[in-house]
Protein backbone atom coordinates (compact mmCIF):
# COMPACT_ATOMS: atom_id res chain seq x y z
CA MET A 1 23.97 -32.33 -1.09
CA GLN A 2 24.76 -28.62 -1.46
CA THR A 3 23.05 -25.65 0.16
CA TYR A 4 22.77 -22.13 -1.28
CA LEU A 5 21.40 -18.82 -0.01
CA VAL A 6 18.99 -17.54 -2.66
CA GLY A 7 16.52 -14.86 -3.66
CA GLY A 8 15.79 -11.73 -1.69
CA ALA A 9 18.50 -12.30 0.91
CA VAL A 10 21.24 -12.29 -1.74
CA ARG A 11 19.66 -9.34 -3.55
CA ASP A 12 19.38 -7.25 -0.39
CA LYS A 13 22.91 -8.14 0.66
CA LEU A 14 24.22 -6.85 -2.67
CA LEU A 15 22.12 -3.70 -2.29
CA ASP A 16 23.48 -3.25 1.24
CA ILE A 17 20.04 -3.09 2.80
CA PRO A 18 18.85 -5.07 5.87
CA ILE A 19 18.00 -8.70 5.17
CA LYS A 20 14.56 -9.65 6.49
CA ASP A 21 14.40 -13.35 5.69
CA ARG A 22 16.90 -15.94 4.52
CA ASP A 23 15.75 -18.63 2.10
CA TRP A 24 17.88 -21.60 1.10
CA VAL A 25 17.87 -24.04 -1.80
CA VAL A 26 19.17 -27.58 -1.34
CA VAL A 27 20.56 -29.33 -4.43
CA GLY A 28 21.14 -33.08 -4.67
CA ALA A 29 18.97 -34.16 -1.72
CA THR A 30 15.77 -36.13 -1.19
CA PRO A 31 13.01 -35.47 1.33
CA GLU A 32 14.12 -38.54 3.28
CA GLU A 33 17.66 -37.18 3.62
CA MET A 34 16.30 -33.86 4.91
CA LEU A 35 14.19 -35.64 7.53
CA ASP A 36 17.19 -37.75 8.57
CA LYS A 37 19.12 -34.56 9.26
CA GLY A 38 16.39 -33.26 11.58
CA PHE A 39 14.62 -30.84 9.23
CA LYS A 40 10.88 -30.38 9.77
CA PRO A 41 8.61 -30.53 6.69
CA VAL A 42 6.25 -27.57 6.14
CA GLY A 43 5.60 -27.43 2.38
CA LYS A 44 2.28 -28.66 1.00
CA ASP A 45 2.84 -28.17 -2.72
CA PHE A 46 6.57 -28.95 -2.77
CA PRO A 47 9.18 -30.05 -0.23
CA VAL A 48 10.10 -27.16 2.08
CA PHE A 49 11.72 -27.78 5.44
CA LEU A 50 12.56 -25.78 8.55
CA HIS A 51 16.12 -25.95 9.85
CA PRO A 52 16.11 -27.68 13.26
CA GLU A 53 17.99 -24.78 14.90
CA THR A 54 17.59 -21.56 12.88
CA LYS A 55 14.02 -22.36 11.73
CA GLU A 56 14.88 -20.85 8.34
CA GLU A 57 13.29 -22.35 5.22
CA TYR A 58 15.20 -24.84 3.09
CA ALA A 59 13.53 -25.87 -0.17
CA LEU A 60 14.64 -28.70 -2.42
CA ALA A 61 15.68 -27.49 -5.86
CA ARG A 62 12.71 -27.75 -8.18
CA THR A 63 11.31 -27.01 -11.61
CA GLU A 64 7.73 -26.04 -12.37
CA ARG A 65 5.22 -26.43 -15.20
CA LYS A 66 2.04 -24.44 -15.82
CA SER A 67 -1.00 -26.63 -15.19
CA GLY A 68 -3.85 -24.23 -14.48
CA LYS A 69 -4.89 -20.62 -14.02
CA GLY A 70 -3.51 -18.21 -11.43
CA TYR A 71 -0.31 -18.19 -9.47
CA LYS A 72 -1.24 -21.53 -7.88
CA GLY A 73 -1.70 -23.24 -11.22
CA PHE A 74 1.67 -24.99 -11.32
CA THR A 75 2.97 -28.52 -11.04
CA PHE A 76 6.34 -28.80 -9.29
CA HIS A 77 9.05 -31.39 -9.80
CA THR A 78 11.86 -32.08 -7.34
CA SER A 79 14.65 -34.60 -7.57
CA PRO A 80 18.38 -34.80 -6.77
CA ASP A 81 19.00 -34.27 -10.50
CA VAL A 82 17.50 -30.75 -10.54
CA THR A 83 20.38 -28.27 -10.75
CA LEU A 84 20.74 -24.90 -9.06
CA GLU A 85 20.49 -23.21 -12.47
CA ASP A 86 17.22 -25.05 -13.13
CA ASP A 87 15.83 -23.79 -9.85
CA LEU A 88 16.96 -20.21 -10.43
CA GLN A 89 15.45 -20.19 -13.92
CA ARG A 90 11.90 -20.52 -12.59
CA ARG A 91 12.23 -17.26 -10.59
CA ASP A 92 10.64 -14.03 -11.73
CA LEU A 93 13.46 -11.48 -12.00
CA THR A 94 17.16 -11.73 -12.62
CA ILE A 95 17.85 -9.80 -9.42
CA ASN A 96 16.00 -12.55 -7.51
CA ALA A 97 17.79 -15.36 -9.37
CA ILE A 98 21.19 -15.00 -7.71
CA ALA A 99 22.55 -17.61 -5.30
CA GLU A 100 25.47 -17.61 -2.86
CA ASP A 101 27.37 -20.71 -1.78
CA GLU A 102 28.78 -21.45 1.67
CA HIS A 103 32.02 -19.62 0.79
CA GLY A 104 30.24 -16.42 -0.26
CA VAL A 105 30.75 -17.03 -3.97
CA LEU A 106 27.90 -15.78 -6.18
CA ILE A 107 26.22 -18.02 -8.74
CA ASP A 108 24.56 -15.63 -11.17
CA PRO A 109 23.68 -17.41 -14.46
CA TYR A 110 21.12 -14.81 -15.59
CA GLY A 111 22.95 -11.52 -15.01
CA GLY A 112 21.14 -10.38 -11.89
CA ALA A 113 24.14 -8.59 -10.39
CA ALA A 114 24.54 -6.46 -13.53
CA ASP A 115 20.82 -5.58 -13.45
CA LEU A 116 21.16 -4.55 -9.80
CA LYS A 117 23.89 -2.10 -10.80
CA GLU A 118 21.74 -0.80 -13.66
CA LYS A 119 18.69 -0.63 -11.36
CA MET A 120 16.74 -2.70 -13.84
CA LEU A 121 13.88 -5.15 -13.35
CA ARG A 122 14.23 -7.88 -15.99
CA HIS A 123 12.51 -11.27 -16.30
CA VAL A 124 14.54 -14.47 -16.23
CA SER A 125 12.75 -16.52 -18.89
CA PRO A 126 9.66 -16.49 -21.16
CA ALA A 127 7.90 -18.58 -18.50
CA PHE A 128 7.54 -15.27 -16.64
CA VAL A 129 4.11 -14.81 -18.25
CA GLU A 130 2.73 -17.95 -16.63
CA ASP A 131 2.30 -16.36 -13.20
CA PRO A 132 -0.13 -13.38 -13.10
CA LEU A 133 1.01 -12.41 -9.61
CA ARG A 134 4.24 -11.21 -11.20
CA VAL A 135 2.47 -8.13 -12.56
CA LEU A 136 1.88 -7.01 -9.00
CA ARG A 137 5.30 -8.16 -7.78
CA ILE A 138 7.16 -6.20 -10.44
CA ALA A 139 5.05 -3.13 -9.70
CA ARG A 140 5.82 -3.59 -6.02
CA PHE A 141 9.55 -3.94 -6.64
CA ALA A 142 9.41 -0.72 -8.66
CA ALA A 143 7.75 0.92 -5.65
CA SER A 144 10.18 -0.42 -3.07
CA LEU A 145 13.44 -0.22 -5.03
CA GLY A 146 12.71 2.55 -7.51
CA PHE A 147 14.10 0.46 -10.38
CA LYS A 148 13.20 0.79 -14.07
CA ILE A 149 11.51 -2.04 -15.97
CA ALA A 150 13.19 -3.52 -19.02
CA PRO A 151 11.10 -2.91 -22.19
CA GLU A 152 10.92 -6.63 -22.97
CA THR A 153 9.64 -7.30 -19.45
CA MET A 154 7.01 -4.56 -19.73
CA ALA A 155 5.84 -6.23 -22.95
CA LEU A 156 5.30 -9.47 -21.03
CA LEU A 157 3.43 -7.61 -18.28
CA LYS A 158 1.06 -6.31 -20.94
CA ASP A 159 0.63 -9.83 -22.31
CA ILE A 160 -0.44 -11.04 -18.85
CA SER A 161 -2.83 -8.10 -18.43
CA GLU A 162 -4.46 -8.77 -21.80
CA SER A 163 -5.17 -12.38 -20.83
CA ASP A 164 -7.74 -13.42 -18.24
CA GLU A 165 -5.07 -14.55 -15.77
CA LEU A 166 -5.39 -11.50 -13.48
CA GLU A 167 -8.95 -12.55 -12.70
CA ALA A 168 -7.59 -15.73 -11.07
CA LEU A 169 -5.59 -13.85 -8.45
CA VAL A 170 -6.54 -14.50 -4.84
CA PRO A 171 -7.84 -11.23 -3.27
CA GLU A 172 -5.56 -11.46 -0.24
CA ARG A 173 -2.47 -11.66 -2.48
CA VAL A 174 -3.50 -8.52 -4.35
CA TRP A 175 -3.85 -6.69 -1.04
CA THR A 176 -0.54 -8.06 0.25
CA GLU A 177 1.31 -6.65 -2.75
CA LEU A 178 -0.49 -3.30 -2.52
CA GLU A 179 0.27 -2.99 1.19
CA LYS A 180 3.95 -3.77 0.59
CA ALA A 181 4.04 -1.19 -2.19
CA LEU A 182 2.47 1.41 0.07
CA SER A 183 5.23 0.73 2.58
CA GLY A 184 7.92 1.31 -0.05
CA LYS A 185 9.87 4.45 -0.88
CA TYR A 186 8.01 5.16 -4.12
CA PRO A 187 4.43 3.87 -3.78
CA ALA A 188 3.17 5.93 -6.71
CA ARG A 189 5.34 3.84 -9.01
CA PHE A 190 3.18 0.84 -8.16
CA LEU A 191 0.20 2.57 -9.76
CA LEU A 192 2.16 3.87 -12.71
CA VAL A 193 3.53 0.42 -13.55
CA LEU A 194 0.06 -1.12 -13.31
CA GLN A 195 -1.31 1.62 -15.55
CA SER A 196 1.52 1.28 -18.09
CA SER A 197 1.00 -2.49 -18.24
CA ASN A 198 -2.79 -2.12 -18.65
CA ALA A 199 -3.37 -3.92 -15.35
CA LEU A 200 -4.72 -0.98 -13.34
CA LYS A 201 -8.07 -0.98 -15.17
CA LYS A 202 -8.54 -4.67 -14.35
CA LEU A 203 -7.31 -4.75 -10.76
CA PHE A 204 -8.25 -1.26 -9.57
CA PRO A 205 -10.76 0.19 -12.04
CA GLU A 206 -11.85 2.71 -9.38
CA ILE A 207 -8.40 4.30 -9.52
CA GLU A 208 -8.04 4.01 -13.30
CA ALA A 209 -11.33 5.91 -13.62
CA LEU A 210 -9.77 9.00 -11.98
CA PHE A 211 -7.52 9.66 -14.96
CA GLY A 212 -9.22 12.12 -17.28
CA VAL A 213 -11.51 13.48 -14.55
CA PRO A 214 -10.83 17.16 -13.74
CA GLN A 215 -10.48 18.43 -10.21
CA THR A 216 -13.26 20.46 -8.57
CA LYS A 217 -13.63 24.02 -9.85
CA GLU A 218 -12.40 25.29 -6.47
CA TYR A 219 -9.13 23.33 -6.79
CA HIS A 220 -7.43 23.70 -10.16
CA PRO A 221 -9.93 22.07 -12.56
CA GLU A 222 -7.19 21.94 -15.18
CA ILE A 223 -5.44 19.25 -13.10
CA ASP A 224 -6.42 15.66 -13.80
CA THR A 225 -7.71 13.89 -10.66
CA GLY A 226 -5.58 10.85 -11.42
CA LEU A 227 -2.48 13.05 -11.55
CA HIS A 228 -3.58 14.79 -8.36
CA THR A 229 -3.89 11.38 -6.69
CA ILE A 230 -0.32 10.52 -7.73
CA MET A 231 0.95 13.89 -6.49
CA SER A 232 -0.91 13.53 -3.19
CA LEU A 233 0.46 10.01 -2.70
CA ASN A 234 3.97 11.37 -3.28
CA GLN A 235 3.32 14.05 -0.65
CA SER A 236 2.11 11.42 1.82
CA THR A 237 5.46 9.65 1.54
CA ARG A 238 7.18 12.90 2.55
CA LEU A 239 4.94 13.28 5.57
CA SER A 240 4.70 9.71 6.91
CA ALA A 241 5.84 6.13 6.41
CA ASP A 242 2.44 4.85 7.60
CA PRO A 243 0.84 2.68 4.86
CA MET A 244 -2.61 3.36 6.33
CA ILE A 245 -2.22 7.06 5.65
CA ARG A 246 -0.92 6.37 2.16
CA PHE A 247 -3.86 4.09 1.38
CA ALA A 248 -6.31 6.74 2.58
CA VAL A 249 -4.65 9.30 0.31
CA LEU A 250 -4.72 6.87 -2.61
CA VAL A 251 -8.50 6.44 -2.43
CA HIS A 252 -9.61 9.80 -1.03
CA ASP A 253 -11.03 11.10 -4.33
CA LEU A 254 -12.61 7.95 -5.76
CA GLY A 255 -16.04 9.58 -5.71
CA LYS A 256 -15.01 12.13 -8.32
CA ALA A 257 -14.96 9.43 -10.99
CA THR A 258 -18.76 9.23 -10.67
CA THR A 259 -19.18 12.82 -11.90
CA PRO A 260 -20.74 13.09 -15.39
CA LYS A 261 -18.09 13.69 -18.04
CA ASP A 262 -19.52 17.08 -19.06
CA LYS A 263 -19.43 18.51 -15.52
CA LEU A 264 -16.77 19.46 -13.02
CA PRO A 265 -16.91 17.63 -9.69
CA SER A 266 -18.32 19.77 -6.89
CA HIS A 267 -17.64 19.72 -3.19
CA HIS A 268 -21.06 18.19 -2.61
CA GLY A 269 -21.98 14.56 -3.15
CA HIS A 270 -18.79 12.93 -4.35
CA GLU A 271 -17.50 12.38 -0.79
CA GLU A 272 -20.46 10.14 0.08
CA ARG A 273 -20.22 8.30 -3.23
CA GLY A 274 -16.50 7.88 -2.56
CA THR A 275 -17.07 6.15 0.75
CA LYS A 276 -19.32 3.57 -0.90
CA ILE A 277 -16.69 2.88 -3.55
CA ILE A 278 -14.03 2.51 -0.83
CA ASP A 279 -16.26 0.06 1.04
CA LYS A 280 -16.66 -2.08 -2.09
CA LEU A 281 -12.94 -1.97 -2.86
CA CYS A 282 -12.02 -3.01 0.68
CA LYS A 283 -14.58 -5.80 0.64
CA ARG A 284 -13.33 -7.09 -2.72
CA TYR A 285 -9.72 -7.36 -1.60
CA ARG A 286 -10.47 -8.08 2.07
CA ILE A 287 -8.58 -5.01 3.20
CA PRO A 288 -8.40 -4.68 7.01
CA ASN A 289 -11.03 -2.54 8.73
CA LYS A 290 -8.46 -0.14 10.19
CA TYR A 291 -7.45 0.82 6.64
CA ARG A 292 -11.05 1.14 5.50
CA GLU A 293 -12.15 3.25 8.48
CA LEU A 294 -9.38 5.80 8.06
CA ALA A 295 -9.88 5.94 4.29
CA VAL A 296 -13.62 6.53 4.69
CA ASN A 297 -12.97 9.36 7.16
CA VAL A 298 -10.49 11.03 4.82
CA SER A 299 -12.81 10.65 1.82
CA ARG A 300 -15.79 12.05 3.71
CA PHE A 301 -14.18 14.87 5.66
CA HIS A 302 -10.97 16.02 3.91
CA LEU A 303 -12.70 19.01 2.32
CA ASP A 304 -14.11 19.98 5.72
CA CYS A 305 -10.60 19.85 7.13
CA HIS A 306 -9.36 22.20 4.41
CA ARG A 307 -12.06 24.72 5.44
CA ILE A 308 -12.04 24.07 9.19
CA GLN A 309 -10.80 27.56 10.09
CA GLU A 310 -13.81 29.07 8.33
CA MET A 311 -16.30 27.10 10.43
CA LYS A 312 -18.15 28.14 13.54
CA PRO A 313 -16.98 26.58 16.84
CA GLU A 314 -20.19 24.56 17.01
CA THR A 315 -19.44 23.09 13.59
CA VAL A 316 -15.82 22.39 14.49
CA LEU A 317 -17.02 20.40 17.51
CA LYS A 318 -19.49 18.51 15.33
CA LYS A 319 -16.68 17.53 12.94
CA LEU A 320 -14.52 16.32 15.84
CA GLU A 321 -17.41 14.17 17.03
CA GLN A 322 -18.08 12.79 13.53
CA LEU A 323 -14.39 11.90 13.22
CA ASP A 324 -14.53 10.18 16.64
CA ALA A 325 -11.48 12.28 17.56
CA PHE A 326 -12.15 12.18 21.30
CA ARG A 327 -12.00 8.38 21.44
CA ARG A 328 -9.58 7.80 18.56
CA PRO A 329 -6.93 10.57 18.75
CA GLU A 330 -4.29 8.45 16.98
CA ARG A 331 -6.57 7.96 13.98
CA PHE A 332 -7.37 11.67 14.04
CA ASP A 333 -3.64 12.39 13.74
CA GLN A 334 -3.49 10.05 10.71
CA PHE A 335 -6.48 11.84 9.23
CA LEU A 336 -4.79 15.24 9.52
CA ILE A 337 -1.63 14.00 7.79
CA ALA A 338 -3.67 12.54 4.93
CA CYS A 339 -5.54 15.84 4.53
CA GLU A 340 -2.25 17.73 4.42
CA ALA A 341 -0.97 15.38 1.72
CA ASP A 342 -4.11 16.07 -0.31
CA ALA A 343 -3.72 19.84 0.10
CA ARG A 344 -0.10 19.66 -1.07
CA GLY A 345 -0.85 17.36 -3.99
CA ARG A 346 -1.07 20.19 -6.52
CA ALA A 347 1.55 22.00 -8.55
CA GLY A 348 2.86 24.96 -6.58
CA PHE A 349 1.38 23.73 -3.29
CA GLU A 350 3.98 21.06 -2.49
CA ASP A 351 5.75 23.07 0.21
CA ARG A 352 2.86 25.19 1.45
CA ASP A 353 2.07 25.24 5.16
CA TYR A 354 -1.12 23.55 6.29
CA PRO A 355 -2.28 25.53 9.36
CA GLN A 356 -5.63 23.74 9.32
CA ALA A 357 -4.04 20.68 10.94
CA GLU A 358 -2.61 22.69 13.83
CA TYR A 359 -5.88 24.54 14.34
CA PHE A 360 -7.96 21.35 14.26
CA GLN A 361 -5.55 19.67 16.68
CA LYS A 362 -5.68 22.62 19.10
CA ALA A 363 -9.46 22.62 18.92
CA LEU A 364 -9.48 18.98 20.00
CA LYS A 365 -7.06 19.69 22.82
CA ALA A 366 -9.14 22.63 24.04
CA ALA A 367 -12.33 20.59 23.95
CA ASN A 368 -10.63 17.76 25.83
CA ASN A 369 -9.58 20.15 28.58
CA VAL A 370 -13.18 20.62 29.70
CA ASN A 371 -13.41 19.28 33.25
CA THR A 372 -16.31 16.84 33.02
CA LEU A 373 -15.73 15.60 36.58
CA ALA A 374 -16.27 19.11 37.96
CA LEU A 375 -19.54 19.38 36.07
CA GLN A 376 -20.69 16.06 37.56
CA GLU A 377 -19.81 17.32 41.02
CA GLN A 378 -22.15 20.24 40.38
CA GLY A 379 -24.96 17.69 40.21
CA LEU A 380 -25.36 17.59 36.45
CA GLU A 381 -26.26 14.26 34.87
CA GLY A 382 -27.85 12.72 31.81
CA LYS A 383 -28.83 15.06 29.00
CA ALA A 384 -28.12 18.13 31.09
CA LEU A 385 -24.54 16.97 31.67
CA GLY A 386 -24.06 16.18 28.01
CA GLN A 387 -25.39 19.56 26.93
CA GLU A 388 -23.16 21.44 29.38
CA ILE A 389 -20.09 19.48 28.25
CA LYS A 390 -20.95 20.49 24.70
CA ASN A 391 -21.42 24.14 25.72
CA GLN A 392 -18.08 24.21 27.49
CA ARG A 393 -16.32 22.57 24.58
CA VAL A 394 -17.78 25.09 22.13
CA LYS A 395 -16.63 27.89 24.43
CA SER A 396 -13.11 26.46 24.57
CA ILE A 397 -12.95 26.11 20.78
CA LYS A 398 -14.20 29.69 20.42
CA GLU A 399 -11.24 30.89 22.46
CA ILE A 400 -8.92 29.03 20.11
CA SER A 401 -10.66 30.69 17.17
CA ILE A 402 -10.07 34.14 18.67
CA ASN A 403 -6.37 33.40 19.03
CA TYR A 404 -6.30 32.53 15.33
CA GLY A 405 -7.76 35.93 14.46
CA LYS A 406 -11.25 34.78 13.69
């Protein structure tokens, strides 16, 4: 019985980045031997055990055979005769098929260490095509590590996309991979890999549809909306590590794809259509409500934010109320960052200031400074109290507007 550290833990150790989880492979053991040593069984499809002290996962070495559609369509085989090399061969990428023994010696039969140095994502074996989830995983690794994809591996990604395997993916797994990609250093690469492998049109047709659609006539119509989305997503990574903000930026212009091909999108109408598309996308992949709510706000109001300094104080207050900024100030902050990313997502605008965010934030602060308790002490209540609070808030915002030279 021999135990090896495998997968992501070895990869991350070689990359000198923090190790999140440690997974182990046990060669030459039976389930009964693992139980005798105090390990607790947790695997349903194949024998996986928790260490009695560290609680880390120890899996018996196994092989697998395709038996159905989707990433769950596999039959697994475990026995003491399965070798470490057999187990490593079933893994997706060479950089994830490296093991380390108890003395720190690497076992690297498929050249993963060399691919790490070359910053290359390369499949281990032709069986790579049997798991459709790998399209998303490779795109996610490109987003998190910034690695290139070997041409022969990209060819296999296209083979998967051209089959009907992607349709068998469980919605939650698609969202899990997207969320991880949005948390990476280069989230735009996730989209670019999916597009290059012909998977974007199947998994996220709403985003694929943006390519070829011009921007609004007010904002550089010569720029493709798909390209603008990529540029805006890149800007969001400069401004925040928050995946919620990045998701909102990713989907903020989905409504523009509904514009007739012979017309430029206008400021009117596509925001509302965009929110409906976002709702459907979030429902399809069971994306959490907190992501959906922020994304809908950004889609509906980002153009208002760009023009907020041109609006009357009464209108500014109305926008704050529609954004629920008084009750949800943290989400309002996320909204402003997403709007700034959108404004910077154009050639020549990448480093421009975005004074709208500061103005909008000061307007909220001024409106919040209205002393509602003092108004109640004056005997105001009900509609009269609400109207006076509104009047005072408008007055406070007007003072902010004067300071901004309006």
